[in-house]
Amino acid sequence: MDVYTNLKQGERGAWISIFAYVFCSILKIGVAILTGSAALMADGLNNTTDVVASVAVLIGLRISRKPRDRDHPYGHFRAETIAALVASFIMLYVGIDVITGAIPSMFNPDPVAPGMIAGYTALATSVIMFGVYRYNLKLAQKINSQALRAAAQDNRSDALVSIGTFIGIAGAQFQLQWLDPLAAVVVGVLIIKTGWEIFRETVHRLTDGFEESKLEDLRSTIADINGVERISDIKARYHGSSVLVDVVVHVDPELNVVESHTITEEIEDRMRRDHKIYDVHIHIEPEHDRARE
């Protein structure tokens, strides 16, 4: 399965998130109006901002599928990473907004408890969003999509927000109004933590960062290939959901062009088979130490 096919599958996950958020926001806002639940209203309005995040992911995935052109000889794959970065900004904003809205409520709780239908609505939508989270996470792992993985984390955060809303509404039935803002603060912290982790990962990738342990795995795979005498340099970077590898390989100087080319084909085949890497730039050098023997 190639990168473009994976990106098209990722769009399906983004669309599912959009439909789920639109449904949940309309349901929550409608029930909040009927029951007078401020917590459920805030939860519903939060879902409307999540529609924006999911649309950003969808746009990023669609741009990533555009073929190479004169201005983008490597393609448009990094649009996916930028989409994940936008999603992280929205998550950080939502987390901060949840906390800043909850802290004043801890000192001035609403004395009127909304009906439990509002709480059950929040609980039901949390189950829906957790199901969307599981689907998108599994799909993101299958197609190795950073943007869809960010969308999945956003789905999980919204499921947690709705659980916090349910706890607050349930607590209000027993005059425990402080439970609502406390749960909101805890959930807000979790959202900020998730948003920060996505932000840190996307910035690391956009600045051509690559994990040292993964690079060593690539080096070991290439070093095990028959005919490879030595690896003098190897670099890798993320390009959206794909990885670009540059490697300098030393071989027996007595090999002819065809034999050296066979080694490069074996390297490319092992990268595809073992690491799902489809773009490897290989530079062949003669092994001078062996030539002097």
C-alpha atoms as a PDB file:
ATOM      1  CA  MET A   1       0.000   0.000   0.000  1.00  0.00           C
ATOM      2  CA  ASP A   2       1.607   3.329  -1.085  1.00  0.00           C
ATOM      3  CA  VAL A   3       1.674   6.655   0.761  1.00  0.00           C
ATOM      4  CA  TYR A   4      -1.075   8.230  -1.356  1.00  0.00           C
ATOM      5  CA  THR A   5      -3.454   5.345  -0.655  1.00  0.00           C
ATOM      6  CA  ASN A   6      -2.730   5.686   3.072  1.00  0.00           C
ATOM      7  CA  LEU A   7      -3.500   9.408   2.972  1.00  0.00           C
ATOM      8  CA  LYS A   8      -6.820   8.737   1.248  1.00  0.00           C
ATOM      9  CA  GLN A   9      -7.736   6.245   3.983  1.00  0.00           C
ATOM     10  CA  GLY A  10      -6.777   8.859   6.589  1.00  0.00           C
ATOM     11  CA  GLU A  11      -9.355  11.246   5.115  1.00  0.00           C
ATOM     12  CA  ARG A  12     -12.052   8.743   6.080  1.00  0.00           C
ATOM     13  CA  GLY A  13     -11.042   9.049   9.731  1.00  0.00           C
ATOM     14  CA  ALA A  14     -11.130  12.848   9.509  1.00  0.00           C
ATOM     15  CA  TRP A  15     -14.632  12.755   8.023  1.00  0.00           C
ATOM     16  CA  ILE A  16     -15.832  10.438  10.801  1.00  0.00           C
ATOM     17  CA  SER A  17     -14.500  12.924  13.378  1.00  0.00           C
ATOM     18  CA  ILE A  18     -16.272  15.820  11.652  1.00  0.00           C
ATOM     19  CA  PHE A  19     -19.636  14.028  11.520  1.00  0.00           C
ATOM     20  CA  ALA A  20     -19.292  12.864  15.142  1.00  0.00           C
ATOM     21  CA  TYR A  21     -18.462  16.377  16.385  1.00  0.00           C
ATOM     22  CA  VAL A  22     -21.315  17.994  14.439  1.00  0.00           C
ATOM     23  CA  PHE A  23     -23.789  15.451  15.827  1.00  0.00           C
ATOM     24  CA  CYS A  24     -22.496  15.726  19.407  1.00  0.00           C
ATOM     25  CA  SER A  25     -22.389  19.528  19.408  1.00  0.00           C
ATOM     26  CA  ILE A  26     -25.981  19.845  18.111  1.00  0.00           C
ATOM     27  CA  LEU A  27     -27.211  17.252  20.623  1.00  0.00           C
ATOM     28  CA  LYS A  28     -25.405  18.790  23.592  1.00  0.00           C
ATOM     29  CA  ILE A  29     -26.397  22.369  22.837  1.00  0.00           C
ATOM     30  CA  GLY A  30     -30.023  21.353  22.301  1.00  0.00           C
ATOM     31  CA  VAL A  31     -30.227  19.387  25.559  1.00  0.00           C
ATOM     32  CA  ALA A  32     -28.340  22.138  27.407  1.00  0.00           C
ATOM     33  CA  ILE A  33     -30.957  24.692  26.341  1.00  0.00           C
ATOM     34  CA  LEU A  34     -33.774  22.417  27.521  1.00  0.00           C
ATOM     35  CA  THR A  35     -32.179  21.551  30.881  1.00  0.00           C
ATOM     36  CA  GLY A  36     -30.338  24.786  31.627  1.00  0.00           C
ATOM     37  CA  SER A  37     -26.998  23.003  31.981  1.00  0.00           C
ATOM     38  CA  ALA A  38     -24.114  25.450  31.597  1.00  0.00           C
ATOM     39  CA  ALA A  39     -21.577  22.600  31.757  1.00  0.00           C
ATOM     40  CA  LEU A  40     -23.202  20.725  28.876  1.00  0.00           C
ATOM     41  CA  MET A  41     -23.508  23.943  26.884  1.00  0.00           C
ATOM     42  CA  ALA A  42     -19.763  24.585  27.315  1.00  0.00           C
ATOM     43  CA  ASP A  43     -19.067  20.976  26.296  1.00  0.00           C
ATOM     44  CA  GLY A  44     -21.192  21.385  23.167  1.00  0.00           C
ATOM     45  CA  LEU A  45     -19.500  24.653  22.206  1.00  0.00           C
ATOM     46  CA  ASN A  46     -16.144  22.929  22.733  1.00  0.00           C
ATOM     47  CA  ASN A  47     -17.166  20.336  20.136  1.00  0.00           C
ATOM     48  CA  THR A  48     -17.834  23.102  17.608  1.00  0.00           C
ATOM     49  CA  THR A  49     -14.169  24.152  17.869  1.00  0.00           C
ATOM     50  CA  ASP A  50     -13.176  20.500  17.393  1.00  0.00           C
ATOM     51  CA  VAL A  51     -14.949  20.537  14.044  1.00  0.00           C
ATOM     52  CA  VAL A  52     -12.405  23.184  12.998  1.00  0.00           C
ATOM     53  CA  ALA A  53      -9.507  20.971  14.144  1.00  0.00           C
ATOM     54  CA  SER A  54     -10.869  17.977  12.218  1.00  0.00           C
ATOM     55  CA  VAL A  55     -11.390  20.096   9.101  1.00  0.00           C
ATOM     56  CA  ALA A  56      -7.765  21.254   9.405  1.00  0.00           C
ATOM     57  CA  VAL A  57      -6.638  17.624   9.528  1.00  0.00           C
ATOM     58  CA  LEU A  58      -8.804  16.792   6.507  1.00  0.00           C
ATOM     59  CA  ILE A  59      -7.372  19.714   4.521  1.00  0.00           C
ATOM     60  CA  GLY A  60      -3.834  18.711   5.484  1.00  0.00           C
ATOM     61  CA  LEU A  61      -4.393  15.136   4.335  1.00  0.00           C
ATOM     62  CA  ARG A  62      -5.902  16.300   1.045  1.00  0.00           C
ATOM     63  CA  ILE A  63      -3.036  18.696   0.327  1.00  0.00           C
ATOM     64  CA  SER A  64      -0.568  15.910   1.144  1.00  0.00           C
ATOM     65  CA  ARG A  65      -2.074  13.804  -1.644  1.00  0.00           C
ATOM     66  CA  LYS A  66      -1.226  16.390  -4.296  1.00  0.00           C
ATOM     67  CA  PRO A  67       1.466  15.083  -6.672  1.00  0.00           C
ATOM     68  CA  ARG A  68       4.892  16.629  -7.052  1.00  0.00           C
ATOM     69  CA  ASP A  69       5.138  19.878  -8.989  1.00  0.00           C
ATOM     70  CA  ARG A  70       7.812  22.394  -9.947  1.00  0.00           C
ATOM     71  CA  ASP A  71       7.687  24.168  -6.568  1.00  0.00           C
ATOM     72  CA  HIS A  72       7.392  20.952  -4.528  1.00  0.00           C
ATOM     73  CA  PRO A  73       9.777  18.340  -5.997  1.00  0.00           C
ATOM     74  CA  TYR A  74       9.418  16.208  -2.849  1.00  0.00           C
ATOM     75  CA  GLY A  75       5.623  16.411  -2.907  1.00  0.00           C
ATOM     76  CA  HIS A  76       3.276  18.011  -0.362  1.00  0.00           C
ATOM     77  CA  PHE A  77       3.500  15.437   2.415  1.00  0.00           C
ATOM     78  CA  ARG A  78       4.499  17.917   5.129  1.00  0.00           C
ATOM     79  CA  ALA A  79       1.046  19.500   4.920  1.00  0.00           C
ATOM     80  CA  GLU A  80      -0.042  16.547   7.063  1.00  0.00           C
ATOM     81  CA  THR A  81       2.451  17.501   9.788  1.00  0.00           C
ATOM     82  CA  ILE A  82       1.305  21.140   9.644  1.00  0.00           C
ATOM     83  CA  ALA A  83      -2.288  19.933  10.091  1.00  0.00           C
ATOM     84  CA  ALA A  84      -1.224  18.046  13.219  1.00  0.00           C
ATOM     85  CA  LEU A  85       0.456  21.238  14.462  1.00  0.00           C
ATOM     86  CA  VAL A  86      -2.786  23.201  13.948  1.00  0.00           C
ATOM     87  CA  ALA A  87      -4.698  20.501  15.843  1.00  0.00           C
ATOM     88  CA  SER A  88      -2.232  20.789  18.746  1.00  0.00           C
ATOM     89  CA  PHE A  89      -2.800  24.574  18.912  1.00  0.00           C
ATOM     90  CA  ILE A  90      -6.559  24.049  19.108  1.00  0.00           C
ATOM     91  CA  MET A  91      -6.141  21.420  21.828  1.00  0.00           C
ATOM     92  CA  LEU A  92      -3.924  23.744  23.869  1.00  0.00           C
ATOM     93  CA  TYR A  93      -6.494  26.542  23.491  1.00  0.00           C
ATOM     94  CA  VAL A  94      -9.359  24.262  24.534  1.00  0.00           C
ATOM     95  CA  GLY A  95      -7.422  22.967  27.550  1.00  0.00           C
ATOM     96  CA  ILE A  96      -6.597  26.459  28.768  1.00  0.00           C
ATOM     97  CA  ASP A  97     -10.185  27.595  28.147  1.00  0.00           C
ATOM     98  CA  VAL A  98     -11.578  24.661  30.152  1.00  0.00           C
ATOM     99  CA  ILE A  99      -9.297  25.421  33.129  1.00  0.00           C
ATOM    100  CA  THR A 100      -9.868  29.194  33.131  1.00  0.00           C
ATOM    101  CA  GLY A 101     -13.614  28.633  32.947  1.00  0.00           C
ATOM    102  CA  ALA A 102     -13.586  26.075  35.760  1.00  0.00           C
ATOM    103  CA  ILE A 103     -11.503  27.914  38.374  1.00  0.00           C
ATOM    104  CA  PRO A 104     -14.028  30.760  38.984  1.00  0.00           C
ATOM    105  CA  SER A 105     -16.806  28.166  39.277  1.00  0.00           C
ATOM    106  CA  MET A 106     -14.967  26.531  42.192  1.00  0.00           C
ATOM    107  CA  PHE A 107     -15.542  29.694  44.230  1.00  0.00           C
ATOM    108  CA  ASN A 108     -18.975  30.545  42.861  1.00  0.00           C
ATOM    109  CA  PRO A 109     -20.808  27.273  42.084  1.00  0.00           C
ATOM    110  CA  ASP A 110     -24.238  27.258  40.464  1.00  0.00           C
ATOM    111  CA  PRO A 111     -26.789  26.370  43.193  1.00  0.00           C
ATOM    112  CA  VAL A 112     -29.335  24.996  40.705  1.00  0.00           C
ATOM    113  CA  ALA A 113     -28.735  21.423  39.584  1.00  0.00           C
ATOM    114  CA  PRO A 114     -29.625  20.669  35.958  1.00  0.00           C
ATOM    115  CA  GLY A 115     -31.642  17.570  35.111  1.00  0.00           C
ATOM    116  CA  MET A 116     -29.765  14.280  34.824  1.00  0.00           C
ATOM    117  CA  ILE A 117     -30.787  14.020  31.178  1.00  0.00           C
ATOM    118  CA  ALA A 118     -27.951  16.487  30.588  1.00  0.00           C
ATOM    119  CA  GLY A 119     -25.542  14.170  32.400  1.00  0.00           C
ATOM    120  CA  TYR A 120     -26.673  11.122  30.469  1.00  0.00           C
ATOM    121  CA  THR A 121     -26.279  13.062  27.228  1.00  0.00           C
ATOM    122  CA  ALA A 122     -22.682  13.905  28.152  1.00  0.00           C
ATOM    123  CA  LEU A 123     -22.002  10.273  29.067  1.00  0.00           C
ATOM    124  CA  ALA A 124     -23.513   8.961  25.816  1.00  0.00           C
ATOM    125  CA  THR A 125     -21.472  11.354  23.687  1.00  0.00           C
ATOM    126  CA  SER A 126     -18.309  10.421  25.577  1.00  0.00           C
ATOM    127  CA  VAL A 127     -18.901   6.794  24.545  1.00  0.00           C
ATOM    128  CA  ILE A 128     -19.353   7.916  20.925  1.00  0.00           C
ATOM    129  CA  MET A 129     -16.130   9.958  20.948  1.00  0.00           C
ATOM    130  CA  PHE A 130     -14.175   7.174  22.617  1.00  0.00           C
ATOM    131  CA  GLY A 131     -15.321   4.843  19.824  1.00  0.00           C
ATOM    132  CA  VAL A 132     -14.173   7.409  17.226  1.00  0.00           C
ATOM    133  CA  TYR A 133     -10.856   7.711  19.104  1.00  0.00           C
ATOM    134  CA  ARG A 134     -10.265   3.960  18.974  1.00  0.00           C
ATOM    135  CA  TYR A 135     -11.116   3.810  15.265  1.00  0.00           C
ATOM    136  CA  ASN A 136      -8.873   6.750  14.326  1.00  0.00           C
ATOM    137  CA  LEU A 137      -6.001   5.560  16.514  1.00  0.00           C
ATOM    138  CA  LYS A 138      -6.073   2.103  14.932  1.00  0.00           C
ATOM    139  CA  LEU A 139      -6.243   3.626  11.433  1.00  0.00           C
ATOM    140  CA  ALA A 140      -3.438   6.100  12.234  1.00  0.00           C
ATOM    141  CA  GLN A 141      -1.197   3.252  13.377  1.00  0.00           C
ATOM    142  CA  LYS A 142      -2.039   1.242  10.262  1.00  0.00           C
ATOM    143  CA  ILE A 143      -1.224   4.043   7.791  1.00  0.00           C
ATOM    144  CA  ASN A 144       1.377   5.784   9.999  1.00  0.00           C
ATOM    145  CA  SER A 145      -0.408   9.150   9.866  1.00  0.00           C
ATOM    146  CA  GLN A 146       0.713  11.803  12.334  1.00  0.00           C
ATOM    147  CA  ALA A 147      -2.218  14.107  11.523  1.00  0.00           C
ATOM    148  CA  LEU A 148      -4.800  11.372  12.101  1.00  0.00           C
ATOM    149  CA  ARG A 149      -3.003  10.356  15.302  1.00  0.00           C
ATOM    150  CA  ALA A 150      -3.375  13.965  16.498  1.00  0.00           C
ATOM    151  CA  ALA A 151      -7.069  13.865  15.576  1.00  0.00           C
ATOM    152  CA  ALA A 152      -7.445  10.632  17.566  1.00  0.00           C
ATOM    153  CA  GLN A 153      -5.865  12.238  20.628  1.00  0.00           C
ATOM    154  CA  ASP A 154      -8.302  15.136  20.233  1.00  0.00           C
ATOM    155  CA  ASN A 155     -11.169  12.613  20.105  1.00  0.00           C
ATOM    156  CA  ARG A 156      -9.960  11.082  23.381  1.00  0.00           C
ATOM    157  CA  SER A 157      -9.663  14.500  25.028  1.00  0.00           C
ATOM    158  CA  ASP A 158     -13.260  15.303  24.123  1.00  0.00           C
ATOM    159  CA  ALA A 159     -14.436  11.974  25.506  1.00  0.00           C
ATOM    160  CA  LEU A 160     -12.706  12.889  28.787  1.00  0.00           C
ATOM    161  CA  VAL A 161     -14.275  16.359  28.772  1.00  0.00           C
ATOM    162  CA  SER A 162     -17.740  14.802  28.433  1.00  0.00           C
ATOM    163  CA  ILE A 163     -17.005  12.391  31.281  1.00  0.00           C
ATOM    164  CA  GLY A 164     -16.003  15.381  33.404  1.00  0.00           C
ATOM    165  CA  THR A 165     -19.270  17.072  32.448  1.00  0.00           C
ATOM    166  CA  PHE A 166     -21.221  13.979  33.524  1.00  0.00           C
ATOM    167  CA  ILE A 167     -19.395  13.857  36.872  1.00  0.00           C
ATOM    168  CA  GLY A 168     -20.144  17.528  37.502  1.00  0.00           C
ATOM    169  CA  ILE A 169     -23.847  17.216  36.661  1.00  0.00           C
ATOM    170  CA  ALA A 170     -24.182  14.026  38.727  1.00  0.00           C
ATOM    171  CA  GLY A 171     -22.450  15.670  41.670  1.00  0.00           C
ATOM    172  CA  ALA A 172     -24.797  18.649  41.465  1.00  0.00           C
ATOM    173  CA  GLN A 173     -27.711  16.295  42.167  1.00  0.00           C
ATOM    174  CA  PHE A 174     -26.177  15.706  45.628  1.00  0.00           C
ATOM    175  CA  GLN A 175     -25.198  19.345  46.227  1.00  0.00           C
ATOM    176  CA  LEU A 176     -21.568  18.588  45.336  1.00  0.00           C
ATOM    177  CA  GLN A 177     -21.222  21.453  42.874  1.00  0.00           C
ATOM    178  CA  TRP A 178     -17.445  21.600  43.437  1.00  0.00           C
ATOM    179  CA  LEU A 179     -17.081  18.285  41.568  1.00  0.00           C
ATOM    180  CA  ASP A 180     -17.875  19.930  38.233  1.00  0.00           C
ATOM    181  CA  PRO A 181     -15.057  22.530  38.248  1.00  0.00           C
ATOM    182  CA  LEU A 182     -12.610  20.068  39.831  1.00  0.00           C
ATOM    183  CA  ALA A 183     -13.260  17.502  37.111  1.00  0.00           C
ATOM    184  CA  ALA A 184     -12.962  20.250  34.494  1.00  0.00           C
ATOM    185  CA  VAL A 185      -9.538  21.317  35.811  1.00  0.00           C
ATOM    186  CA  VAL A 186      -8.249  17.730  35.748  1.00  0.00           C
ATOM    187  CA  VAL A 187      -9.562  17.207  32.216  1.00  0.00           C
ATOM    188  CA  GLY A 188      -8.125  20.565  31.115  1.00  0.00           C
ATOM    189  CA  VAL A 189      -4.685  19.541  32.345  1.00  0.00           C
ATOM    190  CA  LEU A 190      -4.939  16.262  30.416  1.00  0.00           C
ATOM    191  CA  ILE A 191      -5.923  18.111  27.242  1.00  0.00           C
ATOM    192  CA  ILE A 192      -2.988  20.537  27.583  1.00  0.00           C
ATOM    193  CA  LYS A 193      -0.605  17.635  28.195  1.00  0.00           C
ATOM    194  CA  THR A 194      -1.804  15.845  25.048  1.00  0.00           C
ATOM    195  CA  GLY A 195      -1.706  19.041  22.986  1.00  0.00           C
ATOM    196  CA  TRP A 196       1.832  19.787  24.162  1.00  0.00           C
ATOM    197  CA  GLU A 197       3.045  16.289  23.280  1.00  0.00           C
ATOM    198  CA  ILE A 198       1.615  16.600  19.754  1.00  0.00           C
ATOM    199  CA  PHE A 199       3.087  20.116  19.400  1.00  0.00           C
ATOM    200  CA  ARG A 200       6.530  18.934  20.509  1.00  0.00           C
ATOM    201  CA  GLU A 201       6.490  15.954  18.126  1.00  0.00           C
ATOM    202  CA  THR A 202       5.351  17.994  15.112  1.00  0.00           C
ATOM    203  CA  VAL A 203       7.937  20.731  15.700  1.00  0.00           C
ATOM    204  CA  HIS A 204      10.617  18.049  16.062  1.00  0.00           C
ATOM    205  CA  ARG A 205       9.627  16.593  12.688  1.00  0.00           C
ATOM    206  CA  LEU A 206       9.303  19.948  10.935  1.00  0.00           C
ATOM    207  CA  THR A 207      12.852  20.803  12.007  1.00  0.00           C
ATOM    208  CA  ASP A 208      14.102  17.499  10.508  1.00  0.00           C
ATOM    209  CA  GLY A 209      14.512  15.787  13.850  1.00  0.00           C
ATOM    210  CA  PHE A 210      14.705  11.992  13.859  1.00  0.00           C
ATOM    211  CA  GLU A 211      14.936   9.560  16.767  1.00  0.00           C
ATOM    212  CA  GLU A 212      18.459   8.212  17.261  1.00  0.00           C
ATOM    213  CA  SER A 213      17.226   4.715  18.168  1.00  0.00           C
ATOM    214  CA  LYS A 214      15.233   4.433  14.921  1.00  0.00           C
ATOM    215  CA  LEU A 215      18.241   5.632  12.944  1.00  0.00           C
ATOM    216  CA  GLU A 216      20.349   2.896  14.530  1.00  0.00           C
ATOM    217  CA  ASP A 217      17.728   0.326  13.527  1.00  0.00           C
ATOM    218  CA  LEU A 218      18.005   1.500   9.916  1.00  0.00           C
ATOM    219  CA  ARG A 219      21.794   1.360  10.107  1.00  0.00           C
ATOM    220  CA  SER A 220      21.701  -2.207  11.463  1.00  0.00           C
ATOM    221  CA  THR A 221      19.364  -3.368   8.696  1.00  0.00           C
ATOM    222  CA  ILE A 222      21.604  -1.945   5.974  1.00  0.00           C
ATOM    223  CA  ALA A 223      24.816  -3.213   7.626  1.00  0.00           C
ATOM    224  CA  ASP A 224      23.448  -6.786   7.592  1.00  0.00           C
ATOM    225  CA  ILE A 225      23.003  -6.777   3.809  1.00  0.00           C
ATOM    226  CA  ASN A 226      25.485  -8.934   1.911  1.00  0.00           C
ATOM    227  CA  GLY A 227      28.052  -6.780   0.101  1.00  0.00           C
ATOM    228  CA  VAL A 228      27.873  -3.784   2.433  1.00  0.00           C
ATOM    229  CA  GLU A 229      31.383  -3.313   3.840  1.00  0.00           C
ATOM    230  CA  ARG A 230      30.779  -0.154   5.854  1.00  0.00           C
ATOM    231  CA  ILE A 231      28.317   2.712   6.374  1.00  0.00           C
ATOM    232  CA  SER A 232      30.109   6.039   6.665  1.00  0.00           C
ATOM    233  CA  ASP A 233      27.015   8.223   6.944  1.00  0.00           C
ATOM    234  CA  ILE A 234      23.278   7.800   7.365  1.00  0.00           C
ATOM    235  CA  LYS A 235      20.573  10.433   7.841  1.00  0.00           C
ATOM    236  CA  ALA A 236      16.794  10.293   7.958  1.00  0.00           C
ATOM    237  CA  ARG A 237      13.950  12.766   8.239  1.00  0.00           C
ATOM    238  CA  TYR A 238      10.173  12.706   8.259  1.00  0.00           C
ATOM    239  CA  HIS A 239       8.230  13.977   5.280  1.00  0.00           C
ATOM    240  CA  GLY A 240       4.659  13.838   6.471  1.00  0.00           C
ATOM    241  CA  SER A 241       3.885  10.191   7.195  1.00  0.00           C
ATOM    242  CA  SER A 242       6.800   8.981   5.058  1.00  0.00           C
ATOM    243  CA  VAL A 243      10.525   8.835   5.864  1.00  0.00           C
ATOM    244  CA  LEU A 244      13.395   9.931   3.633  1.00  0.00           C
ATOM    245  CA  VAL A 245      16.742   8.182   4.129  1.00  0.00           C
ATOM    246  CA  ASP A 246      20.175   9.229   2.846  1.00  0.00           C
ATOM    247  CA  VAL A 247      22.987   6.720   3.282  1.00  0.00           C
ATOM    248  CA  VAL A 248      26.612   6.405   2.120  1.00  0.00           C
ATOM    249  CA  VAL A 249      27.573   2.743   1.702  1.00  0.00           C
ATOM    250  CA  HIS A 250      31.094   1.401   1.103  1.00  0.00           C
ATOM    251  CA  VAL A 251      31.486  -1.746  -1.003  1.00  0.00           C
ATOM    252  CA  ASP A 252      34.258  -3.870  -2.468  1.00  0.00           C
ATOM    253  CA  PRO A 253      36.103  -1.654  -5.008  1.00  0.00           C
ATOM    254  CA  GLU A 254      36.434  -4.659  -7.341  1.00  0.00           C
ATOM    255  CA  LEU A 255      32.669  -4.798  -7.916  1.00  0.00           C
ATOM    256  CA  ASN A 256      31.354  -3.612 -11.273  1.00  0.00           C
ATOM    257  CA  VAL A 257      28.474  -1.165 -11.729  1.00  0.00           C
ATOM    258  CA  VAL A 258      25.837  -3.885 -12.077  1.00  0.00           C
ATOM    259  CA  GLU A 259      26.983  -5.671  -8.893  1.00  0.00           C
ATOM    260  CA  SER A 260      27.005  -2.402  -6.931  1.00  0.00           C
ATOM    261  CA  HIS A 261      23.544  -1.565  -8.252  1.00  0.00           C
ATOM    262  CA  THR A 262      22.283  -4.962  -7.074  1.00  0.00           C
ATOM    263  CA  ILE A 263      23.354  -4.038  -3.531  1.00  0.00           C
ATOM    264  CA  THR A 264      21.413  -0.747  -3.720  1.00  0.00           C
ATOM    265  CA  GLU A 265      18.313  -2.622  -4.873  1.00  0.00           C
ATOM    266  CA  GLU A 266      18.628  -4.994  -1.916  1.00  0.00           C
ATOM    267  CA  ILE A 267      18.907  -2.012   0.445  1.00  0.00           C
ATOM    268  CA  GLU A 268      15.775  -0.436  -1.031  1.00  0.00           C
ATOM    269  CA  ASP A 269      13.897  -3.751  -0.800  1.00  0.00           C
ATOM    270  CA  ARG A 270      14.863  -4.269   2.857  1.00  0.00           C
ATOM    271  CA  MET A 271      13.853  -0.713   3.738  1.00  0.00           C
ATOM    272  CA  ARG A 272      10.431  -1.264   2.187  1.00  0.00           C
ATOM    273  CA  ARG A 273       9.938  -4.711   3.695  1.00  0.00           C
ATOM    274  CA  ASP A 274      11.321  -4.144   7.200  1.00  0.00           C
ATOM    275  CA  HIS A 275      10.635  -0.451   7.827  1.00  0.00           C
ATOM    276  CA  LYS A 276       7.973   0.579   5.248  1.00  0.00           C
ATOM    277  CA  ILE A 277      10.356   3.216   3.881  1.00  0.00           C
ATOM    278  CA  TYR A 278       9.947   3.844   0.163  1.00  0.00           C
ATOM    279  CA  ASP A 279      12.382   6.702  -0.483  1.00  0.00           C
ATOM    280  CA  VAL A 280      16.083   5.856   0.036  1.00  0.00           C
ATOM    281  CA  HIS A 281      18.949   7.810  -1.529  1.00  0.00           C
ATOM    282  CA  ILE A 282      22.044   5.589  -1.653  1.00  0.00           C
ATOM    283  CA  HIS A 283      25.564   6.749  -2.480  1.00  0.00           C
ATOM    284  CA  ILE A 284      28.074   3.990  -3.225  1.00  0.00           C
ATOM    285  CA  GLU A 285      31.753   4.445  -2.290  1.00  0.00           C
ATOM    286  CA  PRO A 286      34.692   2.001  -2.722  1.00  0.00           C
ATOM    287  CA  GLU A 287      36.029   0.563   0.538  1.00  0.00           C
ATOM    288  CA  HIS A 288      39.582   1.918   0.413  1.00  0.00           C
ATOM    289  CA  ASP A 289      40.866  -0.103   3.371  1.00  0.00           C
ATOM    290  CA  ARG A 290      40.034  -3.316   1.518  1.00  0.00           C
ATOM    291  CA  ALA A 291      41.524  -1.929  -1.699  1.00  0.00           C
ATOM    292  CA  ARG A 292      44.916  -1.514  -0.002  1.00  0.00           C
ATOM    293  CA  GLU A 293      44.992  -5.131   1.257  1.00  0.00           C
END
